Amino acid sequence: MQRNITNLLILAFTCFLFACKSTKSIIYTTDLNNVKADIEYLASDELEGRETGTEGERLAAEYIKGRFEALGIKGAFNGQEPYYQYFQKTMKSNPHAQEASPDDPVVRGKNVGGFINNKSDHTIVIGAHYDHLGYGGEGSLHTGDKAIHNGADDNASGIAAMLALAEHLSQKKWKNNFLFIAFSGEEKGLWGSNFFVDNSPLEVEDINFMINMDMVGRLNDQRQLAIYGTGTSPSWNMTLSGITSPTFDIKKTESGVGPSDHTSFYLEDIPVLHFFTGQHEDYHRPSDDADKINYNGISDVAKYINAIIVELDSRDKLAFTKTKDETPQRREFKVTLGVIPDYLYDGTGMRIDGVREERPAANAGIVKGDIVLQIGDVEIADMMSYMKALGTFSPGQTVKVKVLRGGEEVELDVTF
């Protein structure tokens, strides 16, 4: 009898240990020293802004490859350089030409990928872009002398979060495979992610879902986190509502289309989620440096994403649903105010998070924190109505713009 009781106790204890090691009770931990080291190197002057096709991009790619190797994660691609996927784009000197000429310059870049093979039929893709603007040029909001744009938040932060997830997910066997990928060419028009989905080492139908992290390094005191793509699978909202730790003030957007690499996957009918901690005055400027990063915030975002992955790992492949394209095409914009919107604001109107010098808004006296309520005769209810309104005005036109400032409505004349 005593032996039977002892055996039962041993069995119960064994079951307890097994339960503690079950998928959903795995404790997520990440080394903040690694996160900080990743960002400080990728956003250092040595890499000169990591523009696609430059020496800085090459150094960044080598660093990311080295991190995968140190984690024991194998390359994701075939060939002699399994960590790299090369692509190139011809830059047409004449934008109106039907075809590029032989004299047009060619930009060569590469994606960097690592793969964890858990012998599954399905793979979760976890990505972020590692390129940035180099010394500025097109896309920069800097108005001073030429300077290195280090891109600590955009997007060394996303790469650091991806590597933190790779470190954690490589420690045990899961139901899904994982492909971790650092894209280049995002700043030039999603070059790397477009190339990847057209030349993927995976069958597109074998990709379970894609997680994208772009600018996750500036979590604010209100802990506001934007999640895009929540309408791309019927599973997303239920899953997100079940994640209670860490806590965030979450703003969800259903659309799978946006100005980052998740769009390339959504357009291939793959469920996506894109994570973003908000715009700031250092966006696309030389001042986006590592000393302004919220490292604990990055860790919390990665922990939250990990909880989503763990929750879905034991389930069947996610179903895909199309969403309404809420992003206006660039050609629809005839004019611009010259402001940086607050993408995390969810009240009535469009809140301004930054004003660019010598642009229509600044010239009219619009300031950071103003909430645009009306432009001309068009009422502004939210970000989408604001962007659609811009398409109704022409350069040189002067209109009344009504803003809410400190609880009072102010009307200003803006000349586009």
Protein backbone atom coordinates (compact mmCIF):
# COMPACT_ATOMS: atom_id res chain seq x y z
CA MET A 1 0.00 0.00 0.00
CA GLN A 2 2.81 2.39 0.98
CA ARG A 3 4.59 1.63 -2.32
CA ASN A 4 1.38 2.36 -4.26
CA ILE A 5 0.95 5.68 -2.48
CA THR A 6 4.59 6.53 -3.20
CA ASN A 7 4.16 5.67 -6.86
CA LEU A 8 1.03 7.79 -7.06
CA LEU A 9 2.85 10.73 -5.51
CA ILE A 10 5.73 10.34 -7.97
CA LEU A 11 3.25 10.18 -10.84
CA ALA A 12 1.41 13.26 -9.59
CA PHE A 13 4.66 15.18 -9.21
CA THR A 14 5.76 14.12 -12.70
CA CYS A 15 2.44 15.31 -14.15
CA PHE A 16 2.87 18.59 -12.29
CA LEU A 17 6.32 19.11 -13.79
CA PHE A 18 5.01 18.28 -17.24
CA ALA A 19 2.18 20.77 -16.81
CA CYS A 20 4.66 23.42 -15.77
CA LYS A 21 6.53 22.81 -19.01
CA SER A 22 3.44 22.90 -21.19
CA THR A 23 3.42 25.34 -24.06
CA LYS A 24 1.18 27.96 -22.46
CA SER A 25 3.06 28.11 -19.16
CA ILE A 26 6.52 28.68 -20.62
CA ILE A 27 7.87 31.85 -19.02
CA TYR A 28 9.08 34.40 -21.56
CA THR A 29 12.42 35.93 -20.71
CA THR A 30 14.71 38.09 -22.80
CA ASP A 31 18.15 39.55 -22.16
CA LEU A 32 17.82 43.34 -22.20
CA ASN A 33 21.58 43.59 -22.59
CA ASN A 34 21.27 41.83 -25.95
CA VAL A 35 18.39 44.08 -27.00
CA LYS A 36 20.40 47.16 -26.10
CA ALA A 37 23.56 45.86 -27.79
CA ASP A 38 21.62 45.06 -30.98
CA ILE A 39 20.17 48.55 -31.24
CA GLU A 40 23.34 50.38 -30.24
CA TYR A 41 25.30 48.63 -32.98
CA LEU A 42 22.69 48.79 -35.73
CA ALA A 43 22.03 52.47 -34.96
CA SER A 44 25.70 53.44 -34.66
CA ASP A 45 27.40 55.94 -36.94
CA GLU A 46 29.66 53.12 -38.13
CA LEU A 47 26.77 51.73 -40.20
CA GLU A 48 26.01 55.16 -41.72
CA GLY A 49 22.25 54.72 -41.71
CA ARG A 50 22.07 51.21 -43.24
CA GLU A 51 20.81 52.35 -46.64
CA THR A 52 20.10 49.46 -49.02
CA GLY A 53 23.07 48.64 -51.23
CA THR A 54 25.68 50.35 -49.03
CA GLU A 55 28.53 49.16 -46.86
CA GLY A 56 26.39 49.96 -43.83
CA GLU A 57 23.72 47.55 -45.03
CA ARG A 58 26.38 44.86 -45.51
CA LEU A 59 27.70 45.32 -41.97
CA ALA A 60 24.18 45.20 -40.53
CA ALA A 61 23.41 42.01 -42.48
CA GLU A 62 26.59 40.36 -41.20
CA TYR A 63 25.69 41.31 -37.64
CA ILE A 64 22.17 39.83 -37.90
CA LYS A 65 23.58 36.68 -39.51
CA GLY A 66 26.05 36.38 -36.63
CA ARG A 67 23.25 36.67 -34.09
CA PHE A 68 21.33 33.86 -35.79
CA GLU A 69 24.45 31.70 -35.79
CA ALA A 70 25.10 32.38 -32.10
CA LEU A 71 21.54 31.24 -31.32
CA GLY A 72 22.05 28.04 -33.30
CA ILE A 73 19.46 29.09 -35.90
CA LYS A 74 20.24 27.88 -39.41
CA GLY A 75 19.95 29.92 -42.58
CA ALA A 76 16.53 30.16 -44.22
CA PHE A 77 17.67 29.99 -47.84
CA ASN A 78 19.35 27.55 -50.19
CA GLY A 79 22.79 27.91 -51.74
CA GLN A 80 26.26 28.73 -50.50
CA GLU A 81 25.06 31.67 -48.40
CA PRO A 82 21.96 30.26 -46.69
CA TYR A 83 21.38 33.30 -44.48
CA TYR A 84 21.13 35.73 -47.41
CA GLN A 85 18.54 36.31 -50.10
CA TYR A 86 19.86 38.76 -52.71
CA PHE A 87 17.74 41.07 -54.82
CA GLN A 88 18.34 44.06 -57.05
CA LYS A 89 16.42 47.03 -58.42
CA THR A 90 17.21 49.25 -61.39
CA MET A 91 16.68 52.93 -60.60
CA LYS A 92 15.25 54.58 -63.70
CA SER A 93 16.94 57.93 -64.32
CA ASN A 94 13.89 58.98 -66.31
CA PRO A 95 10.76 58.23 -64.23
CA HIS A 96 8.56 58.67 -67.31
CA ALA A 97 10.39 56.03 -69.36
CA GLN A 98 8.57 52.78 -70.02
CA GLU A 99 11.72 50.73 -69.43
CA ALA A 100 15.04 51.26 -67.70
CA SER A 101 18.06 52.06 -69.82
CA PRO A 102 21.37 50.13 -69.67
CA ASP A 103 22.97 53.19 -68.09
CA ASP A 104 20.53 53.36 -65.17
CA PRO A 105 22.08 52.51 -61.78
CA VAL A 106 21.32 49.18 -60.10
CA VAL A 107 20.86 48.90 -56.34
CA ARG A 108 21.63 45.51 -54.81
CA GLY A 109 20.37 44.49 -51.40
CA LYS A 110 19.74 41.40 -49.35
CA ASN A 111 17.31 39.94 -46.86
CA VAL A 112 18.72 38.01 -43.90
CA GLY A 113 16.81 34.96 -42.71
CA GLY A 114 17.04 32.23 -40.09
CA PHE A 115 14.88 29.11 -39.90
CA ILE A 116 13.85 26.85 -37.04
CA ASN A 117 12.63 23.56 -38.45
CA ASN A 118 10.20 21.83 -36.09
CA LYS A 119 9.17 19.35 -38.80
CA SER A 120 5.82 21.05 -39.22
CA ASP A 121 3.73 21.62 -42.34
CA HIS A 122 3.23 25.24 -41.31
CA THR A 123 5.61 28.11 -40.64
CA ILE A 124 5.18 31.38 -38.75
CA VAL A 125 7.11 34.26 -40.33
CA ILE A 126 8.44 36.86 -37.89
CA GLY A 127 9.94 39.88 -39.61
CA ALA A 128 11.26 43.42 -39.38
CA HIS A 129 13.23 45.63 -41.75
CA TYR A 130 16.83 46.55 -41.01
CA ASP A 131 17.52 49.17 -43.69
CA HIS A 132 17.17 52.91 -43.14
CA LEU A 133 17.84 56.19 -44.96
CA GLY A 134 21.63 56.42 -44.92
CA TYR A 135 22.50 60.12 -45.00
CA GLY A 136 18.92 61.19 -45.68
CA GLY A 137 17.80 61.90 -49.21
CA GLU A 138 14.31 60.97 -50.32
CA GLY A 139 12.12 60.16 -47.36
CA SER A 140 14.07 62.27 -44.87
CA LEU A 141 12.29 65.00 -42.91
CA HIS A 142 15.59 66.64 -42.01
CA THR A 143 16.03 70.17 -43.36
CA GLY A 144 19.61 70.83 -42.26
CA ASP A 145 22.99 69.70 -43.56
CA LYS A 146 23.53 66.14 -44.74
CA ALA A 147 23.70 63.81 -41.72
CA ILE A 148 23.58 60.13 -40.81
CA HIS A 149 20.07 58.85 -40.10
CA ASN A 150 20.76 56.09 -37.57
CA GLY A 151 17.19 54.79 -37.37
CA ALA A 152 17.26 53.41 -33.82
CA ASP A 153 13.49 53.16 -33.64
CA ASP A 154 13.07 52.83 -37.41
CA ASN A 155 13.86 50.02 -37.40
CA ALA A 156 16.71 48.74 -35.27
CA SER A 157 14.02 48.36 -32.59
CA GLY A 158 12.05 45.89 -34.72
CA ILE A 159 15.17 43.83 -35.46
CA ALA A 160 16.05 43.72 -31.75
CA ALA A 161 12.53 42.52 -30.91
CA MET A 162 12.72 39.89 -33.65
CA LEU A 163 16.04 38.61 -32.33
CA ALA A 164 14.66 38.52 -28.78
CA LEU A 165 11.79 36.35 -30.01
CA ALA A 166 14.24 34.16 -31.93
CA GLU A 167 16.28 33.68 -28.76
CA HIS A 168 13.22 32.56 -26.81
CA LEU A 169 11.54 30.43 -29.48
CA SER A 170 14.76 28.55 -30.24
CA GLN A 171 14.88 27.10 -26.73
CA LYS A 172 12.26 24.38 -27.24
CA LYS A 173 10.34 22.51 -29.89
CA TRP A 174 7.04 23.99 -31.01
CA LYS A 175 4.25 22.81 -33.29
CA ASN A 176 5.04 25.40 -35.98
CA ASN A 177 8.29 26.12 -37.77
CA PHE A 178 9.65 29.68 -37.52
CA LEU A 179 11.24 31.81 -40.20
CA PHE A 180 12.85 34.97 -38.83
CA ILE A 181 13.62 37.51 -41.53
CA ALA A 182 15.26 40.93 -41.63
CA PHE A 183 14.15 42.76 -44.76
CA SER A 184 16.12 45.36 -46.65
CA GLY A 185 14.69 47.92 -49.06
CA GLU A 186 11.60 48.65 -46.94
CA GLU A 187 12.32 52.37 -46.98
CA LYS A 188 12.54 52.31 -50.79
CA GLY A 189 9.15 50.66 -51.27
CA LEU A 190 9.01 47.24 -49.56
CA TRP A 191 11.63 45.87 -51.98
CA GLY A 192 12.89 43.05 -49.79
CA SER A 193 9.52 41.74 -48.60
CA ASN A 194 8.07 41.92 -52.12
CA PHE A 195 10.99 39.90 -53.40
CA PHE A 196 10.69 37.41 -50.55
CA VAL A 197 7.03 36.54 -51.16
CA ASP A 198 7.74 36.13 -54.89
CA ASN A 199 10.83 33.98 -54.23
CA SER A 200 10.04 32.37 -50.90
CA PRO A 201 11.82 29.18 -49.81
CA LEU A 202 8.37 28.21 -48.47
CA GLU A 203 5.19 27.51 -50.34
CA VAL A 204 2.94 30.50 -49.68
CA GLU A 205 0.10 28.22 -48.56
CA ASP A 206 2.42 26.74 -45.90
CA ILE A 207 2.85 30.10 -44.14
CA ASN A 208 0.55 30.16 -41.11
CA PHE A 209 0.74 33.90 -40.46
CA MET A 210 3.19 36.80 -40.52
CA ILE A 211 4.20 39.06 -37.62
CA ASN A 212 5.80 42.41 -38.50
CA MET A 213 7.51 44.81 -36.08
CA ASP A 214 8.29 48.29 -37.37
CA MET A 215 9.09 51.06 -34.88
CA VAL A 216 8.44 49.35 -31.54
CA GLY A 217 11.08 51.28 -29.59
CA ARG A 218 9.20 54.29 -28.23
CA LEU A 219 6.48 52.86 -25.99
CA ASN A 220 5.14 55.93 -24.16
CA ASP A 221 4.01 56.41 -20.57
CA GLN A 222 0.43 55.62 -21.57
CA ARG A 223 1.71 52.31 -23.01
CA GLN A 224 -0.08 52.86 -26.31
CA LEU A 225 0.42 50.09 -28.84
CA ALA A 226 -1.00 50.05 -32.36
CA ILE A 227 -1.78 46.67 -33.94
CA TYR A 228 -2.61 46.60 -37.64
CA GLY A 229 -4.12 43.72 -39.58
CA THR A 230 -6.58 42.53 -36.95
CA GLY A 231 -9.17 41.90 -39.63
CA THR A 232 -6.96 39.60 -41.71
CA SER A 233 -8.04 36.50 -39.77
CA PRO A 234 -11.16 35.75 -37.73
CA SER A 235 -8.81 34.41 -35.03
CA TRP A 236 -7.02 37.66 -34.26
CA ASN A 237 -9.52 39.56 -32.11
CA MET A 238 -10.35 36.58 -29.91
CA THR A 239 -6.67 35.78 -29.47
CA LEU A 240 -5.72 39.37 -28.64
CA SER A 241 -8.53 39.71 -26.12
CA GLY A 242 -7.18 36.67 -24.30
CA ILE A 243 -3.70 38.12 -23.80
CA THR A 244 -3.81 39.98 -20.49
CA SER A 245 -0.10 40.47 -19.80
CA PRO A 246 1.76 42.68 -20.43
CA THR A 247 -0.95 45.33 -20.43
CA PHE A 248 -1.19 48.00 -23.14
CA ASP A 249 -3.59 50.66 -24.32
CA ILE A 250 -4.18 48.98 -27.68
CA LYS A 251 -5.48 50.62 -30.82
CA LYS A 252 -6.51 48.03 -33.41
CA THR A 253 -6.80 48.58 -37.17
CA GLU A 254 -8.35 45.88 -39.33
CA SER A 255 -6.64 46.67 -42.64
CA GLY A 256 -3.82 44.40 -43.80
CA VAL A 257 -2.43 47.14 -46.04
CA GLY A 258 0.00 49.72 -44.71
CA PRO A 259 3.42 51.29 -45.31
CA SER A 260 5.46 48.36 -44.01
CA ASP A 261 6.48 44.81 -44.92
CA HIS A 262 3.36 43.00 -43.66
CA THR A 263 1.55 44.38 -46.72
CA SER A 264 3.57 42.12 -49.03
CA PHE A 265 2.28 39.07 -47.15
CA TYR A 266 -1.30 40.26 -46.84
CA LEU A 267 -1.45 40.67 -50.62
CA GLU A 268 -0.61 36.94 -50.86
CA ASP A 269 -3.65 36.09 -48.68
CA ILE A 270 -1.59 35.50 -45.53
CA PRO A 271 -2.93 36.69 -42.12
CA VAL A 272 -0.74 39.46 -40.71
CA LEU A 273 -0.25 41.54 -37.60
CA HIS A 274 1.89 44.67 -37.56
CA PHE A 275 3.06 46.19 -34.25
CA PHE A 276 3.93 49.89 -33.83
CA THR A 277 4.49 52.04 -30.72
CA GLY A 278 3.82 55.38 -32.40
CA GLN A 279 5.22 58.28 -34.36
CA HIS A 280 7.56 60.88 -32.85
CA GLU A 281 9.45 64.02 -33.75
CA ASP A 282 12.67 62.07 -34.51
CA TYR A 283 11.01 59.99 -37.27
CA HIS A 284 13.17 59.99 -40.43
CA ARG A 285 15.55 62.48 -38.85
CA PRO A 286 19.19 62.16 -37.69
CA SER A 287 17.98 62.40 -34.08
CA ASP A 288 16.44 58.89 -34.07
CA ASP A 289 19.20 57.56 -31.82
CA ALA A 290 19.66 54.66 -29.42
CA ASP A 291 19.63 56.80 -26.26
CA LYS A 292 15.94 57.59 -26.83
CA ILE A 293 14.79 53.97 -26.94
CA ASN A 294 12.51 52.51 -24.27
CA TYR A 295 14.25 49.14 -23.83
CA ASN A 296 11.83 47.80 -21.25
CA GLY A 297 9.06 48.75 -23.64
CA ILE A 298 10.60 46.69 -26.45
CA SER A 299 10.87 43.74 -24.08
CA ASP A 300 7.20 44.05 -23.17
CA VAL A 301 6.13 44.24 -26.82
CA ALA A 302 8.18 41.13 -27.61
CA LYS A 303 6.69 39.35 -24.59
CA TYR A 304 3.19 40.23 -25.78
CA ILE A 305 3.88 38.95 -29.30
CA ASN A 306 5.37 35.80 -27.83
CA ALA A 307 2.15 35.22 -25.89
CA ILE A 308 0.18 35.48 -29.14
CA ILE A 309 2.46 32.96 -30.84
CA VAL A 310 2.28 30.54 -27.92
CA GLU A 311 -1.51 30.81 -27.81
CA LEU A 312 -1.82 30.00 -31.51
CA ASP A 313 0.92 27.38 -31.76
CA SER A 314 -1.31 24.49 -30.78
CA ARG A 315 -4.17 25.53 -33.07
CA ASP A 316 -4.82 24.78 -36.71
CA LYS A 317 -3.53 27.04 -39.46
CA LEU A 318 -5.21 30.45 -39.31
CA ALA A 319 -7.94 31.29 -41.80
CA PHE A 320 -7.42 34.40 -43.93
CA THR A 321 -9.92 37.19 -44.53
CA LYS A 322 -9.62 40.18 -46.83
CA THR A 323 -9.98 43.65 -45.34
CA LYS A 324 -10.97 47.01 -46.67
CA ASP A 325 -7.93 48.92 -47.92
CA GLU A 326 -7.87 51.89 -45.56
CA THR A 327 -4.66 53.35 -46.96
CA PRO A 328 -5.13 55.93 -49.74
CA GLN A 329 -2.78 55.60 -52.70
CA ARG A 330 0.01 58.16 -52.81
CA ARG A 331 -1.24 59.55 -56.13
CA GLU A 332 -4.47 60.73 -54.47
CA PHE A 333 -2.58 63.38 -52.50
CA LYS A 334 -2.43 66.72 -54.31
CA VAL A 335 -1.29 68.65 -51.25
CA THR A 336 0.09 68.10 -47.77
CA LEU A 337 -0.14 69.98 -44.49
CA GLY A 338 3.39 69.01 -43.58
CA VAL A 339 2.57 67.39 -40.25
CA ILE A 340 3.25 64.09 -38.50
CA PRO A 341 -0.06 62.53 -37.39
CA ASP A 342 -0.50 60.84 -34.04
CA TYR A 343 -1.34 57.33 -35.25
CA LEU A 344 -2.31 56.21 -31.76
CA TYR A 345 -4.95 58.92 -31.24
CA ASP A 346 -8.45 57.47 -31.26
CA GLY A 347 -10.59 60.51 -30.47
CA THR A 348 -12.54 62.68 -32.92
CA GLY A 349 -10.35 64.45 -35.46
CA MET A 350 -6.68 64.02 -36.37
CA ARG A 351 -4.17 64.86 -33.66
CA ILE A 352 -0.83 66.32 -34.76
CA ASP A 353 2.30 64.80 -33.25
CA GLY A 354 4.82 66.97 -35.08
CA VAL A 355 5.00 69.91 -37.50
CA ARG A 356 7.57 70.20 -40.27
CA GLU A 357 9.35 73.49 -40.71
CA GLU A 358 8.42 75.78 -43.59
CA ARG A 359 5.42 73.65 -44.59
CA PRO A 360 1.77 74.83 -44.85
CA ALA A 361 0.82 73.88 -41.28
CA ALA A 362 3.87 75.56 -39.71
CA ASN A 363 3.42 78.66 -41.85
CA ALA A 364 -0.19 78.92 -40.67
CA GLY A 365 0.67 78.58 -36.98
CA ILE A 366 -0.49 74.99 -36.42
CA VAL A 367 1.45 73.37 -33.58
CA LYS A 368 2.11 69.94 -32.11
CA GLY A 369 -0.89 68.75 -30.09
CA ASP A 370 -3.50 70.52 -32.23
CA ILE A 371 -6.41 68.31 -33.27
CA VAL A 372 -7.62 68.99 -36.82
CA LEU A 373 -11.44 69.04 -36.89
CA GLN A 374 -12.15 70.57 -40.30
CA ILE A 375 -10.31 71.49 -43.50
CA GLY A 376 -12.33 73.82 -45.72
CA ASP A 377 -15.84 72.35 -45.81
CA VAL A 378 -14.61 68.82 -45.00
CA GLU A 379 -15.10 67.63 -41.44
CA ILE A 380 -12.26 65.48 -40.11
CA ALA A 381 -13.51 62.58 -38.01
CA ASP A 382 -10.36 60.46 -38.01
CA MET A 383 -7.11 59.72 -39.81
CA MET A 384 -8.82 58.26 -42.87
CA SER A 385 -11.11 61.23 -43.44
CA TYR A 386 -8.12 63.55 -43.01
CA MET A 387 -6.11 61.78 -45.70
CA LYS A 388 -9.08 61.61 -48.06
CA ALA A 389 -9.67 65.34 -47.56
CA LEU A 390 -6.18 66.16 -48.81
CA GLY A 391 -7.16 64.83 -52.23
CA THR A 392 -9.85 67.50 -52.62
CA PHE A 393 -7.51 70.51 -52.50
CA SER A 394 -4.96 71.88 -54.97
CA PRO A 395 -1.52 73.49 -54.61
CA GLY A 396 -1.77 77.24 -54.06
CA GLN A 397 -5.27 77.01 -52.61
CA THR A 398 -5.96 78.75 -49.27
CA VAL A 399 -8.51 77.15 -46.94
CA LYS A 400 -9.77 77.55 -43.39
CA VAL A 401 -8.53 74.84 -41.03
CA LYS A 402 -10.28 74.40 -37.69
CA VAL A 403 -8.23 72.85 -34.89
CA LEU A 404 -8.91 72.05 -31.26
CA ARG A 405 -6.18 73.53 -29.06
CA GLY A 406 -6.27 73.28 -25.28
CA GLY A 407 -10.02 72.69 -25.32
CA GLU A 408 -10.77 75.68 -27.57
CA GLU A 409 -11.44 75.73 -31.30
CA VAL A 410 -9.04 77.84 -33.36
CA GLU A 411 -9.47 78.69 -37.05
CA LEU A 412 -6.40 79.30 -39.20
CA ASP A 413 -5.75 80.11 -42.86
CA VAL A 414 -3.62 77.46 -44.55
CA THR A 415 -2.12 77.89 -48.00
CA PHE A 416 -1.09 74.65 -49.71
